[in-house]
């Protein structure tokens, strides 16, 4: 991938799962979703230092994921993000982030998850997801 290659990005939903009460561990949640046939496209585990841990999660089926999270007693929010599939090359996500920044799009956070054998998924939370998708397609 070089700086000008078009990348197929799409807007999608991301689950922000709050794990402070620890009813289910991140591993339990991911295993339950996988066992139920969900494709976990991207995930990231974050802590803020005061004991609040969040699991950020993008799956292929929002409604089914919500059903499983409710059954597990999880507290969560759903947010809009941009998701893309990138070649597994060092720096490819950074190049994409630079492209978004050059287009005047502010990146609030991002993470990369392993995907398939030769690809990874990148997630960007931006101040303008629609423009981010357009900037990556150009």
N, C-alpha and C. Protein backbone atom coordinates (compact mmCIF):
# COMPACT_ATOMS: atom_id res chain seq x y z
N UNK A 1 0.85 -1.18 0.00
CA UNK A 1 0.00 0.00 0.00
C UNK A 1 0.88 1.23 0.00
N UNK A 2 0.57 2.15 -0.89
CA UNK A 2 1.25 3.43 -0.80
C UNK A 2 0.25 4.53 -0.47
N UNK A 3 0.74 5.72 -0.31
CA UNK A 3 -0.06 6.82 0.24
C UNK A 3 -1.32 7.15 -0.54
N UNK A 4 -1.35 6.82 -1.82
CA UNK A 4 -2.49 7.23 -2.63
C UNK A 4 -3.39 6.07 -3.05
N UNK A 5 -3.05 4.84 -2.68
CA UNK A 5 -3.92 3.71 -3.02
C UNK A 5 -5.30 3.89 -2.39
N UNK A 6 -6.37 3.68 -3.16
CA UNK A 6 -7.70 3.75 -2.56
C UNK A 6 -7.91 2.57 -1.60
N UNK A 7 -8.55 2.83 -0.49
CA UNK A 7 -8.84 1.81 0.53
C UNK A 7 -10.35 1.78 0.73
N UNK A 8 -10.92 0.60 0.72
CA UNK A 8 -12.35 0.45 0.93
C UNK A 8 -12.65 0.58 2.42
N UNK A 9 -13.24 1.69 2.80
CA UNK A 9 -13.63 1.95 4.18
C UNK A 9 -15.15 2.06 4.23
N UNK A 10 -15.71 1.70 5.36
CA UNK A 10 -17.15 1.82 5.53
C UNK A 10 -17.48 2.27 6.94
N UNK A 11 -18.61 2.96 7.05
CA UNK A 11 -19.10 3.31 8.37
C UNK A 11 -19.80 2.10 8.95
N UNK A 12 -19.60 1.88 10.24
CA UNK A 12 -20.23 0.75 10.90
C UNK A 12 -20.41 1.07 12.38
N UNK A 13 -20.99 0.14 13.11
CA UNK A 13 -21.19 0.33 14.54
C UNK A 13 -20.10 -0.38 15.31
N UNK A 14 -19.71 0.25 16.41
CA UNK A 14 -18.73 -0.32 17.33
C UNK A 14 -19.40 -0.41 18.70
N UNK A 15 -19.24 -1.54 19.35
CA UNK A 15 -19.72 -1.71 20.71
C UNK A 15 -18.64 -1.24 21.68
N UNK A 16 -19.03 -0.42 22.64
CA UNK A 16 -18.16 0.00 23.73
C UNK A 16 -18.72 -0.70 24.96
N UNK A 17 -18.05 -1.76 25.38
CA UNK A 17 -18.55 -2.62 26.46
C UNK A 17 -17.79 -2.28 27.73
N UNK A 18 -18.53 -1.94 28.79
CA UNK A 18 -17.94 -1.53 30.06
C UNK A 18 -17.81 -2.76 30.96
N UNK A 19 -16.59 -3.00 31.43
CA UNK A 19 -16.31 -4.25 32.15
C UNK A 19 -15.99 -4.04 33.63
N UNK A 20 -16.39 -2.93 34.19
CA UNK A 20 -16.05 -2.67 35.59
C UNK A 20 -16.65 -3.71 36.54
N UNK A 21 -17.89 -4.09 36.32
CA UNK A 21 -18.54 -5.05 37.22
C UNK A 21 -18.07 -6.49 36.99
N UNK A 22 -17.38 -6.72 35.90
CA UNK A 22 -16.78 -8.01 35.60
C UNK A 22 -17.77 -9.18 35.63
N UNK A 23 -18.97 -8.95 35.16
CA UNK A 23 -19.91 -10.07 35.01
C UNK A 23 -19.38 -11.06 33.99
N UNK A 24 -18.74 -10.54 32.98
CA UNK A 24 -18.13 -11.39 31.95
C UNK A 24 -16.78 -10.79 31.60
N UNK A 25 -15.78 -11.64 31.47
CA UNK A 25 -14.45 -11.15 31.09
C UNK A 25 -14.42 -10.89 29.59
N UNK A 26 -13.43 -10.14 29.12
CA UNK A 26 -13.30 -9.94 27.67
C UNK A 26 -13.21 -11.28 26.93
N UNK A 27 -12.46 -12.20 27.48
CA UNK A 27 -12.33 -13.51 26.85
C UNK A 27 -13.67 -14.24 26.78
N UNK A 28 -14.47 -14.17 27.87
CA UNK A 28 -15.80 -14.79 27.87
C UNK A 28 -16.67 -14.20 26.76
N UNK A 29 -16.64 -12.89 26.64
CA UNK A 29 -17.47 -12.21 25.64
C UNK A 29 -17.06 -12.63 24.24
N UNK A 30 -15.76 -12.59 23.96
CA UNK A 30 -15.27 -12.96 22.62
C UNK A 30 -15.57 -14.43 22.31
N UNK A 31 -15.39 -15.31 23.29
CA UNK A 31 -15.69 -16.73 23.07
C UNK A 31 -17.17 -16.96 22.82
N UNK A 32 -18.04 -16.31 23.60
CA UNK A 32 -19.49 -16.47 23.41
C UNK A 32 -19.92 -16.01 22.04
N UNK A 33 -19.38 -14.88 21.60
CA UNK A 33 -19.73 -14.36 20.27
C UNK A 33 -19.24 -15.30 19.18
N UNK A 34 -18.02 -15.77 19.30
CA UNK A 34 -17.46 -16.69 18.30
C UNK A 34 -18.24 -18.00 18.28
N UNK A 35 -18.55 -18.53 19.45
CA UNK A 35 -19.33 -19.77 19.53
C UNK A 35 -20.71 -19.62 18.90
N UNK A 36 -21.25 -18.41 18.93
CA UNK A 36 -22.57 -18.14 18.36
C UNK A 36 -22.49 -17.82 16.87
N UNK A 37 -21.29 -17.89 16.29
CA UNK A 37 -21.15 -17.67 14.86
C UNK A 37 -20.87 -16.25 14.43
N UNK A 38 -20.62 -15.37 15.39
CA UNK A 38 -20.32 -13.98 15.05
C UNK A 38 -18.90 -13.88 14.50
N UNK A 39 -18.73 -13.08 13.48
CA UNK A 39 -17.39 -12.75 13.00
C UNK A 39 -16.93 -11.51 13.74
N UNK A 40 -15.87 -11.64 14.51
CA UNK A 40 -15.30 -10.50 15.22
C UNK A 40 -14.30 -9.86 14.28
N UNK A 41 -14.67 -8.70 13.76
CA UNK A 41 -13.83 -8.03 12.77
C UNK A 41 -12.69 -7.27 13.43
N UNK A 42 -12.97 -6.64 14.57
CA UNK A 42 -11.94 -5.86 15.25
C UNK A 42 -12.29 -5.76 16.72
N UNK A 43 -11.25 -5.71 17.55
CA UNK A 43 -11.46 -5.49 18.98
C UNK A 43 -10.22 -4.88 19.61
N UNK A 44 -10.46 -4.18 20.71
CA UNK A 44 -9.38 -3.56 21.46
C UNK A 44 -9.80 -3.46 22.92
N UNK A 45 -8.89 -3.71 23.81
CA UNK A 45 -9.15 -3.64 25.24
C UNK A 45 -8.43 -2.43 25.80
N UNK A 46 -9.15 -1.58 26.55
CA UNK A 46 -8.57 -0.33 27.06
C UNK A 46 -8.92 -0.16 28.53
N UNK A 47 -8.00 0.42 29.27
CA UNK A 47 -8.25 0.78 30.67
C UNK A 47 -7.87 2.22 30.88
N UNK A 48 -8.52 2.87 31.85
CA UNK A 48 -8.23 4.28 32.07
C UNK A 48 -7.54 4.54 33.41
N UNK A 49 -7.11 3.50 34.11
CA UNK A 49 -6.36 3.68 35.34
C UNK A 49 -7.18 3.68 36.60
N UNK A 50 -8.47 3.90 36.52
CA UNK A 50 -9.30 3.89 37.74
C UNK A 50 -10.14 2.61 37.84
N UNK A 51 -9.74 1.59 37.13
CA UNK A 51 -10.46 0.31 37.19
C UNK A 51 -11.49 0.13 36.10
N UNK A 52 -11.79 1.19 35.35
CA UNK A 52 -12.75 1.06 34.26
C UNK A 52 -12.05 0.47 33.04
N UNK A 53 -12.51 -0.67 32.62
CA UNK A 53 -11.97 -1.34 31.44
C UNK A 53 -13.06 -1.37 30.39
N UNK A 54 -12.71 -1.06 29.15
CA UNK A 54 -13.68 -1.13 28.06
C UNK A 54 -13.14 -2.05 26.98
N UNK A 55 -14.05 -2.79 26.40
CA UNK A 55 -13.77 -3.63 25.24
C UNK A 55 -14.43 -2.95 24.06
N UNK A 56 -13.65 -2.54 23.08
CA UNK A 56 -14.18 -1.98 21.84
C UNK A 56 -14.29 -3.12 20.86
N UNK A 57 -15.44 -3.23 20.19
CA UNK A 57 -15.73 -4.43 19.42
C UNK A 57 -16.54 -4.11 18.18
N UNK A 58 -16.10 -4.62 17.03
CA UNK A 58 -16.85 -4.51 15.78
C UNK A 58 -17.11 -5.93 15.30
N UNK A 59 -18.38 -6.24 15.07
CA UNK A 59 -18.78 -7.57 14.60
C UNK A 59 -19.56 -7.44 13.29
N UNK A 60 -19.97 -8.58 12.75
CA UNK A 60 -20.70 -8.56 11.48
C UNK A 60 -22.21 -8.47 11.65
N UNK A 61 -22.74 -8.56 12.87
CA UNK A 61 -24.19 -8.57 13.06
C UNK A 61 -24.54 -7.86 14.37
N UNK A 62 -24.93 -6.59 14.25
CA UNK A 62 -25.21 -5.79 15.44
C UNK A 62 -26.31 -6.38 16.31
N UNK A 63 -27.42 -6.76 15.73
CA UNK A 63 -28.55 -7.25 16.52
C UNK A 63 -28.22 -8.52 17.28
N UNK A 64 -27.56 -9.45 16.61
CA UNK A 64 -27.18 -10.71 17.26
C UNK A 64 -26.17 -10.45 18.38
N UNK A 65 -25.23 -9.55 18.14
CA UNK A 65 -24.24 -9.20 19.16
C UNK A 65 -24.93 -8.58 20.38
N UNK A 66 -25.89 -7.69 20.15
CA UNK A 66 -26.61 -7.08 21.26
C UNK A 66 -27.36 -8.12 22.09
N UNK A 67 -27.96 -9.08 21.43
CA UNK A 67 -28.68 -10.15 22.13
C UNK A 67 -27.73 -10.91 23.05
N UNK A 68 -26.57 -11.26 22.56
CA UNK A 68 -25.59 -12.01 23.36
C UNK A 68 -25.07 -11.15 24.51
N UNK A 69 -24.79 -9.89 24.26
CA UNK A 69 -24.30 -9.01 25.32
C UNK A 69 -25.35 -8.84 26.42
N UNK A 70 -26.60 -8.73 26.04
CA UNK A 70 -27.67 -8.63 27.05
C UNK A 70 -27.75 -9.90 27.88
N UNK A 71 -27.65 -11.05 27.23
CA UNK A 71 -27.68 -12.34 27.95
C UNK A 71 -26.53 -12.45 28.95
N UNK A 72 -25.39 -11.86 28.60
CA UNK A 72 -24.23 -11.89 29.49
C UNK A 72 -24.30 -10.82 30.58
N UNK A 73 -25.30 -9.96 30.52
CA UNK A 73 -25.45 -8.91 31.51
C UNK A 73 -24.47 -7.76 31.33
N UNK A 74 -24.00 -7.55 30.12
CA UNK A 74 -23.02 -6.50 29.84
C UNK A 74 -23.69 -5.15 29.69
N UNK A 75 -23.00 -4.12 30.15
CA UNK A 75 -23.42 -2.74 29.93
C UNK A 75 -22.59 -2.22 28.77
N UNK A 76 -23.24 -1.59 27.79
CA UNK A 76 -22.54 -1.16 26.59
C UNK A 76 -23.23 0.02 25.93
N UNK A 77 -22.49 0.70 25.08
CA UNK A 77 -23.01 1.72 24.18
C UNK A 77 -22.63 1.30 22.76
N UNK A 78 -23.29 1.91 21.79
CA UNK A 78 -22.96 1.66 20.39
C UNK A 78 -22.59 3.00 19.77
N UNK A 79 -21.47 3.01 19.05
CA UNK A 79 -20.98 4.24 18.46
C UNK A 79 -20.69 4.01 16.98
N UNK A 80 -20.65 5.07 16.19
CA UNK A 80 -20.33 4.98 14.76
C UNK A 80 -18.82 5.15 14.57
N UNK A 81 -18.23 4.27 13.78
CA UNK A 81 -16.80 4.32 13.46
C UNK A 81 -16.61 4.01 11.98
N UNK A 82 -15.37 4.11 11.53
CA UNK A 82 -15.01 3.76 10.16
C UNK A 82 -14.13 2.51 10.24
N UNK A 83 -14.45 1.52 9.42
CA UNK A 83 -13.73 0.25 9.40
C UNK A 83 -13.15 0.02 8.02
N UNK A 84 -11.91 -0.43 7.98
CA UNK A 84 -11.27 -0.75 6.71
C UNK A 84 -10.44 -2.01 6.80
N UNK A 85 -10.26 -2.65 5.67
CA UNK A 85 -9.42 -3.85 5.56
C UNK A 85 -8.13 -3.43 4.89
N UNK A 86 -7.01 -3.69 5.55
CA UNK A 86 -5.71 -3.26 5.07
C UNK A 86 -4.80 -4.46 4.83
N UNK A 87 -3.86 -4.33 3.91
CA UNK A 87 -2.85 -5.38 3.78
C UNK A 87 -1.98 -5.38 5.03
N UNK A 88 -1.51 -6.55 5.42
CA UNK A 88 -0.62 -6.64 6.59
C UNK A 88 0.78 -6.18 6.20
N UNK A 89 0.95 -4.89 6.20
CA UNK A 89 2.24 -4.27 5.92
C UNK A 89 2.54 -3.29 7.04
N UNK A 90 3.77 -3.30 7.48
CA UNK A 90 4.14 -2.36 8.53
C UNK A 90 3.88 -0.94 8.05
N UNK A 91 3.17 -0.18 8.86
CA UNK A 91 2.92 1.21 8.55
C UNK A 91 1.67 1.50 7.75
N UNK A 92 0.94 0.47 7.30
CA UNK A 92 -0.22 0.73 6.45
C UNK A 92 -1.32 1.51 7.20
N UNK A 93 -1.54 1.20 8.47
CA UNK A 93 -2.54 1.94 9.24
C UNK A 93 -2.07 3.37 9.48
N UNK A 94 -0.78 3.55 9.71
CA UNK A 94 -0.24 4.90 9.91
C UNK A 94 -0.38 5.75 8.65
N UNK A 95 -0.13 5.14 7.48
CA UNK A 95 -0.31 5.86 6.22
C UNK A 95 -1.76 6.30 6.05
N UNK A 96 -2.68 5.42 6.40
CA UNK A 96 -4.09 5.75 6.28
C UNK A 96 -4.45 6.88 7.25
N UNK A 97 -3.93 6.83 8.46
CA UNK A 97 -4.15 7.91 9.41
C UNK A 97 -3.60 9.24 8.92
N UNK A 98 -2.44 9.20 8.27
CA UNK A 98 -1.86 10.42 7.69
C UNK A 98 -2.75 10.98 6.58
N UNK A 99 -3.33 10.08 5.78
CA UNK A 99 -4.23 10.51 4.71
C UNK A 99 -5.46 11.21 5.30
N UNK A 100 -6.01 10.65 6.36
CA UNK A 100 -7.17 11.28 7.00
C UNK A 100 -6.80 12.64 7.58
N UNK A 101 -5.67 12.71 8.25
CA UNK A 101 -5.23 13.99 8.83
C UNK A 101 -5.00 15.03 7.75
N UNK A 102 -4.39 14.63 6.64
CA UNK A 102 -4.13 15.56 5.53
C UNK A 102 -5.43 16.09 4.93
N UNK A 103 -6.50 15.30 5.04
CA UNK A 103 -7.80 15.73 4.53
C UNK A 103 -8.56 16.59 5.55
N UNK A 104 -7.91 16.89 6.69
CA UNK A 104 -8.53 17.72 7.71
C UNK A 104 -9.48 16.98 8.63
N UNK A 105 -9.37 15.68 8.66
CA UNK A 105 -10.24 14.85 9.51
C UNK A 105 -9.51 14.56 10.81
N UNK A 106 -10.15 14.86 11.90
CA UNK A 106 -9.54 14.62 13.21
C UNK A 106 -9.81 13.18 13.65
N UNK A 107 -8.76 12.47 14.00
CA UNK A 107 -8.88 11.08 14.48
C UNK A 107 -8.96 11.13 16.00
N UNK A 108 -10.08 10.65 16.55
CA UNK A 108 -10.27 10.64 17.99
C UNK A 108 -9.57 9.45 18.63
N UNK A 109 -9.62 8.31 17.96
CA UNK A 109 -8.83 7.14 18.34
C UNK A 109 -8.84 6.16 17.19
N UNK A 110 -7.91 5.20 17.25
CA UNK A 110 -7.85 4.17 16.22
C UNK A 110 -7.21 2.92 16.81
N UNK A 111 -7.45 1.78 16.16
CA UNK A 111 -6.79 0.54 16.54
C UNK A 111 -6.82 -0.41 15.36
N UNK A 112 -5.92 -1.37 15.40
CA UNK A 112 -5.79 -2.37 14.34
C UNK A 112 -5.97 -3.74 14.98
N UNK A 113 -6.72 -4.61 14.30
CA UNK A 113 -6.90 -5.99 14.74
C UNK A 113 -6.51 -6.93 13.63
N UNK A 114 -5.91 -8.06 13.99
CA UNK A 114 -5.59 -9.04 12.95
C UNK A 114 -6.88 -9.52 12.31
N UNK A 115 -6.85 -9.71 11.03
CA UNK A 115 -8.03 -10.18 10.32
C UNK A 115 -7.75 -11.53 9.71
N UNK A 116 -7.60 -11.52 8.42
CA UNK A 116 -7.32 -12.74 7.69
C UNK A 116 -5.81 -12.92 7.57
N UNK A 117 -5.39 -13.96 6.86
CA UNK A 117 -3.96 -14.28 6.74
C UNK A 117 -3.13 -13.11 6.23
N UNK A 118 -3.61 -12.40 5.22
CA UNK A 118 -2.82 -11.32 4.62
C UNK A 118 -3.44 -9.95 4.82
N UNK A 119 -4.38 -9.84 5.75
CA UNK A 119 -5.07 -8.56 5.94
C UNK A 119 -5.34 -8.32 7.41
N UNK A 120 -5.55 -7.07 7.74
CA UNK A 120 -5.92 -6.66 9.09
C UNK A 120 -7.07 -5.67 8.97
N UNK A 121 -7.79 -5.48 10.06
CA UNK A 121 -8.86 -4.49 10.09
C UNK A 121 -8.41 -3.30 10.91
N UNK A 122 -8.68 -2.11 10.40
CA UNK A 122 -8.35 -0.88 11.11
C UNK A 122 -9.66 -0.16 11.41
N UNK A 123 -9.74 0.40 12.62
CA UNK A 123 -10.92 1.14 13.06
C UNK A 123 -10.49 2.56 13.40
N UNK A 124 -11.23 3.52 12.88
CA UNK A 124 -11.00 4.93 13.20
C UNK A 124 -12.30 5.52 13.73
N UNK A 125 -12.20 6.20 14.85
CA UNK A 125 -13.28 7.05 15.33
C UNK A 125 -12.85 8.46 14.99
N UNK A 126 -13.63 9.14 14.15
CA UNK A 126 -13.24 10.46 13.68
C UNK A 126 -14.30 11.49 14.00
N UNK A 127 -13.98 12.75 13.70
CA UNK A 127 -14.96 13.81 13.87
C UNK A 127 -15.91 13.91 12.67
N UNK A 128 -15.61 13.16 11.58
CA UNK A 128 -16.47 13.18 10.39
C UNK A 128 -16.27 11.86 9.63
N UNK A 129 -17.00 10.85 10.02
CA UNK A 129 -16.85 9.51 9.43
C UNK A 129 -17.17 9.50 7.94
N UNK A 130 -18.16 10.26 7.52
CA UNK A 130 -18.54 10.29 6.11
C UNK A 130 -17.39 10.83 5.24
N UNK A 131 -16.77 11.91 5.68
CA UNK A 131 -15.62 12.44 4.96
C UNK A 131 -14.43 11.49 5.00
N UNK A 132 -14.28 10.78 6.11
CA UNK A 132 -13.17 9.81 6.22
C UNK A 132 -13.31 8.70 5.18
N UNK A 133 -14.52 8.20 5.00
CA UNK A 133 -14.75 7.17 3.99
C UNK A 133 -14.42 7.72 2.60
N UNK A 134 -14.87 8.93 2.31
CA UNK A 134 -14.62 9.53 1.01
C UNK A 134 -13.12 9.79 0.80
N UNK A 135 -12.41 10.23 1.83
CA UNK A 135 -10.98 10.52 1.68
C UNK A 135 -10.18 9.26 1.41
N UNK A 136 -10.62 8.13 1.92
CA UNK A 136 -9.88 6.87 1.71
C UNK A 136 -10.17 6.28 0.34
N UNK A 137 -11.31 6.61 -0.23
CA UNK A 137 -11.68 6.07 -1.55
C UNK A 137 -11.00 6.83 -2.67
N UNK A 138 -10.56 8.04 -2.39
CA UNK A 138 -9.98 8.89 -3.44
C UNK A 138 -8.59 8.42 -3.85
